[in-house]
């Protein structure tokens, strides 16, 4: 919606996350704002929409579902969860505004074009790639939540392709958590073994060549929609 608004602007925003194997980084989806009558026209932002704007929403779940199928996203996600709700009088130049922020995962085969692009999650969270409104701070919150859930769930695997290597897992965990890839490697390997025991992934006979070293085996996700909870937190050792 455009023009003047009265009362509090209530919205939902979503961070769609994936792992880019070629670049070895976690990425988040952004879109270019298209309405010249609204703030930050032509700038990059998280996909979002106003609750009960042009369409009536019966719940937050209905609003985020509507956002995910909208042209701002239009991607089938494997997992979606609420991260945080924030609100104040300065985050939107039109007046008091609140947003409920979600994060969702897709694998790296999802391509976008036009007014959408994948950008480096770490760069956005560290404000090296600037977004409209307070969306850099929102992405920072998403990254903190994601890193926290990496410690005790398999949520990171939802960002990996259906077939992945151990190097993919270690790289993803290290970039999101801001840790040395060697730190926690043993614990990550043990987690993969736990997921094999739970019949969530399987080690295949397929291999992929590496620039250096021996080819690596590929793992296959059997139940990509399942988020597994481990019995102990991820160690940094």
Protein backbone atom coordinates (compact mmCIF):
# COMPACT_ATOMS: atom_id res chain seq x y z
CA UNK A 1 0.00 0.00 0.00
CA UNK A 2 1.15 3.56 -0.59
CA UNK A 3 0.48 7.04 0.73
CA UNK A 4 -0.18 8.18 4.29
CA UNK A 5 -0.96 5.61 6.97
CA UNK A 6 -2.65 6.02 10.31
CA UNK A 7 -1.84 3.97 13.35
CA UNK A 8 0.81 1.31 13.63
CA UNK A 9 2.10 -0.37 10.48
CA UNK A 10 2.20 -4.10 11.14
CA UNK A 11 4.13 -6.31 8.77
CA UNK A 12 5.90 -9.64 8.31
CA UNK A 13 9.39 -9.98 6.82
CA UNK A 14 11.24 -13.14 5.89
CA UNK A 15 14.88 -14.12 5.46
CA UNK A 16 15.10 -16.93 2.89
CA UNK A 17 18.40 -18.75 3.45
CA UNK A 18 20.53 -21.08 1.36
CA UNK A 19 24.11 -22.35 1.11
CA UNK A 20 26.02 -21.47 -2.07
CA UNK A 21 28.42 -24.35 -2.61
CA UNK A 22 30.35 -22.65 -5.43
CA UNK A 23 31.09 -19.55 -3.35
CA UNK A 24 31.27 -21.36 -0.01
CA UNK A 25 28.92 -18.95 1.74
CA UNK A 26 25.48 -18.71 3.34
CA UNK A 27 23.15 -16.44 1.36
CA UNK A 28 19.91 -14.57 2.00
CA UNK A 29 17.28 -13.46 -0.52
CA UNK A 30 16.64 -9.74 -1.00
CA UNK A 31 14.33 -7.89 -3.36
CA UNK A 32 14.38 -4.40 -4.85
CA UNK A 33 11.55 -2.17 -3.63
CA UNK A 34 9.29 -1.31 -6.56
CA UNK A 35 6.75 1.27 -5.34
CA UNK A 36 7.92 4.89 -5.95
CA UNK A 37 5.32 6.15 -3.45
CA UNK A 38 6.84 4.18 -0.55
CA UNK A 39 10.10 4.72 1.39
CA UNK A 40 13.39 3.37 0.06
CA UNK A 41 12.19 3.02 -3.52
CA UNK A 42 14.75 1.15 -5.63
CA UNK A 43 16.71 -0.13 -2.63
CA UNK A 44 17.29 -3.72 -1.54
CA UNK A 45 15.25 -5.10 1.36
CA UNK A 46 14.02 -8.31 2.90
CA UNK A 47 10.79 -9.55 1.31
CA UNK A 48 7.88 -8.34 3.40
CA UNK A 49 4.26 -7.24 3.35
CA UNK A 50 1.80 -5.26 5.45
CA UNK A 51 -0.60 -7.39 7.48
CA UNK A 52 -4.20 -6.65 6.50
CA UNK A 53 -3.01 -4.31 3.76
CA UNK A 54 -4.78 -4.87 0.46
CA UNK A 55 -5.58 -8.42 1.63
CA UNK A 56 -7.13 -9.45 4.94
CA UNK A 57 -5.04 -11.84 7.03
CA UNK A 58 -6.58 -14.00 9.75
CA UNK A 59 -3.26 -14.75 11.46
CA UNK A 60 0.50 -14.26 11.31
CA UNK A 61 0.74 -17.71 9.74
CA UNK A 62 -1.65 -16.64 6.99
CA UNK A 63 0.39 -13.49 6.38
CA UNK A 64 3.72 -15.32 6.07
CA UNK A 65 2.13 -17.95 3.83
CA UNK A 66 0.84 -15.15 1.60
CA UNK A 67 4.30 -13.58 1.52
CA UNK A 68 6.01 -16.84 0.55
CA UNK A 69 3.81 -17.29 -2.53
CA UNK A 70 3.96 -13.60 -3.51
CA UNK A 71 6.17 -12.28 -6.36
CA UNK A 72 8.58 -10.98 -3.70
CA UNK A 73 9.48 -14.60 -2.86
CA UNK A 74 7.69 -17.20 -4.98
CA UNK A 75 9.92 -20.02 -3.70
CA UNK A 76 8.95 -23.30 -2.06
CA UNK A 77 10.77 -23.50 1.28
CA UNK A 78 11.70 -26.63 3.23
CA UNK A 79 11.35 -25.03 6.68
CA UNK A 80 10.01 -21.75 8.08
CA UNK A 81 9.96 -20.46 11.65
CA UNK A 82 9.39 -17.23 13.56
CA UNK A 83 12.50 -15.41 14.80
CA UNK A 84 11.50 -12.18 16.55
CA UNK A 85 9.01 -9.30 16.64
CA UNK A 86 10.39 -5.76 16.77
CA UNK A 87 8.69 -2.38 16.81
CA UNK A 88 9.40 1.30 17.44
CA UNK A 89 8.63 4.80 16.21
CA UNK A 90 11.75 5.24 14.05
CA UNK A 91 12.26 2.06 12.00
CA UNK A 92 9.80 3.28 9.33
CA UNK A 93 9.66 6.96 8.24
CA UNK A 94 5.86 6.68 7.92
CA UNK A 95 5.43 6.22 11.68
CA UNK A 96 5.22 3.57 14.39
CA UNK A 97 5.87 0.14 12.87
CA UNK A 98 6.22 -3.43 14.03
CA UNK A 99 7.35 -6.49 12.11
CA UNK A 100 7.38 -10.18 12.87
CA UNK A 101 10.47 -11.71 11.30
CA UNK A 102 10.70 -15.26 9.98
CA UNK A 103 13.53 -17.33 8.55
CA UNK A 104 13.07 -20.05 5.94
CA UNK A 105 15.41 -22.44 4.13
CA UNK A 106 15.86 -23.62 0.55
CA UNK A 107 18.62 -25.62 -1.12
CA UNK A 108 21.19 -24.03 -3.40
CA UNK A 109 19.51 -25.06 -6.67
CA UNK A 110 16.93 -22.26 -6.37
CA UNK A 111 17.73 -19.48 -8.84
CA UNK A 112 16.17 -16.00 -8.91
CA UNK A 113 16.28 -13.08 -11.32
CA UNK A 114 14.89 -9.61 -11.97
CA UNK A 115 14.19 -7.66 -8.77
CA UNK A 116 15.47 -10.49 -6.52
CA UNK A 117 18.98 -11.67 -5.77
CA UNK A 118 20.98 -13.84 -3.39
CA UNK A 119 23.52 -11.95 -1.27
CA UNK A 120 26.07 -12.93 1.36
CA UNK A 121 24.35 -13.45 4.73
CA UNK A 122 27.45 -12.50 6.70
CA UNK A 123 28.02 -9.31 4.65
CA UNK A 124 24.43 -8.19 5.27
CA UNK A 125 24.53 -9.01 8.99
CA UNK A 126 27.78 -7.03 9.29
CA UNK A 127 26.35 -4.08 7.27
CA UNK A 128 28.80 -4.48 4.40
CA UNK A 129 25.76 -4.82 2.11
CA UNK A 130 23.16 -2.24 3.11
CA UNK A 131 19.41 -2.83 3.13
CA UNK A 132 16.41 -0.53 3.56
CA UNK A 133 14.79 0.27 6.92
CA UNK A 134 16.40 -1.64 9.81
CA UNK A 135 16.71 -4.81 7.76
CA UNK A 136 20.44 -5.19 8.36
CA UNK A 137 19.68 -5.48 12.08
CA UNK A 138 16.88 -7.96 11.33
CA UNK A 139 19.30 -10.08 9.31
CA UNK A 140 21.72 -9.92 12.23
CA UNK A 141 18.96 -11.34 14.44
CA UNK A 142 18.30 -14.08 11.90
CA UNK A 143 21.97 -15.02 11.80
CA UNK A 144 22.18 -15.18 15.61
CA UNK A 145 19.07 -17.40 15.75
CA UNK A 146 20.41 -19.61 12.97
CA UNK A 147 23.81 -20.00 14.63
CA UNK A 148 22.12 -20.81 17.93
CA UNK A 149 19.94 -23.50 16.38
CA UNK A 150 22.97 -24.97 14.63
CA UNK A 151 24.20 -25.88 18.12
CA UNK A 152 21.40 -28.34 18.89
CA UNK A 153 19.35 -29.04 15.73
CA UNK A 154 19.90 -30.10 12.12
CA UNK A 155 18.36 -26.90 10.75
CA UNK A 156 21.50 -26.08 8.77
CA UNK A 157 21.03 -29.18 6.64
CA UNK A 158 17.83 -27.62 5.26
CA UNK A 159 20.07 -25.06 3.50
CA UNK A 160 22.19 -27.72 1.79
CA UNK A 161 21.47 -29.32 -1.60
CA UNK A 162 19.83 -32.75 -1.64
CA UNK A 163 23.30 -34.22 -2.21
CA UNK A 164 26.14 -32.66 -0.24
CA UNK A 165 29.66 -33.34 1.03
CA UNK A 166 31.12 -33.22 4.51
CA UNK A 167 33.08 -30.15 3.38
CA UNK A 168 29.77 -28.42 2.55
CA UNK A 169 28.50 -29.05 6.09
CA UNK A 170 31.70 -27.86 7.78
CA UNK A 171 31.91 -24.75 5.58
CA UNK A 172 28.27 -23.77 6.19
CA UNK A 173 28.54 -24.21 9.96
CA UNK A 174 31.78 -22.22 10.14
CA UNK A 175 30.61 -19.22 8.08
CA UNK A 176 27.29 -18.83 9.91
CA UNK A 177 28.88 -19.18 13.34
CA UNK A 178 31.94 -17.09 12.42
CA UNK A 179 34.27 -19.89 13.50
CA UNK A 180 37.45 -21.43 12.14
CA UNK A 181 36.46 -24.43 9.93
CA UNK A 182 38.76 -26.67 11.99
CA UNK A 183 36.85 -25.80 15.18
CA UNK A 184 34.01 -28.16 15.92
CA UNK A 185 34.87 -30.41 12.95
CA UNK A 186 34.82 -33.58 15.04
CA UNK A 187 31.41 -32.70 16.50
CA UNK A 188 29.99 -31.96 13.04
CA UNK A 189 31.18 -35.33 11.74
CA UNK A 190 29.49 -37.00 14.72
CA UNK A 191 26.27 -35.15 13.90
CA UNK A 192 26.27 -36.49 10.38
CA UNK A 193 26.68 -40.00 11.81
CA UNK A 194 23.74 -39.40 14.16
CA UNK A 195 21.55 -38.35 11.23
CA UNK A 196 22.56 -41.47 9.31
CA UNK A 197 21.53 -43.56 12.34
CA UNK A 198 18.19 -41.70 12.39
CA UNK A 199 17.76 -42.52 8.68
CA UNK A 200 17.54 -38.84 7.75
CA UNK A 201 20.55 -38.96 5.42
CA UNK A 202 22.58 -41.70 3.76
CA UNK A 203 26.14 -41.95 2.49
CA UNK A 204 26.09 -42.67 -1.26
CA UNK A 205 28.66 -44.28 -3.54
CA UNK A 206 28.87 -41.07 -5.57
CA UNK A 207 31.88 -38.79 -5.29
CA UNK A 208 32.75 -35.28 -6.39
CA UNK A 209 36.27 -34.08 -7.24
CA UNK A 210 37.94 -31.39 -5.17
CA UNK A 211 40.46 -28.80 -6.32
CA UNK A 212 42.90 -30.33 -3.83
CA UNK A 213 42.87 -33.74 -2.20
CA UNK A 214 40.88 -36.87 -2.85
CA UNK A 215 37.29 -36.87 -4.17
CA UNK A 216 34.62 -36.65 -1.48
CA UNK A 217 31.60 -38.87 -1.04
CA UNK A 218 28.15 -37.37 -1.41
CA UNK A 219 25.48 -37.67 1.26
CA UNK A 220 21.79 -37.76 0.29
CA UNK A 221 18.95 -36.22 2.32
CA UNK A 222 16.17 -38.78 2.80
CA UNK A 223 13.75 -36.60 4.79
CA UNK A 224 14.69 -32.98 4.03
CA UNK A 225 11.60 -31.63 5.79
CA UNK A 226 12.59 -33.10 9.19
CA UNK A 227 14.52 -30.94 11.69
CA UNK A 228 16.39 -33.28 14.04
CA UNK A 229 17.19 -32.31 17.65
CA UNK A 230 20.49 -33.63 18.99
CA UNK A 231 20.95 -34.78 22.58
CA UNK A 232 23.87 -32.41 23.18
CA UNK A 233 24.96 -28.98 21.96
CA UNK A 234 27.58 -28.63 19.24
CA UNK A 235 31.10 -28.40 20.62
CA UNK A 236 33.70 -25.91 19.38
CA UNK A 237 36.51 -28.37 20.05
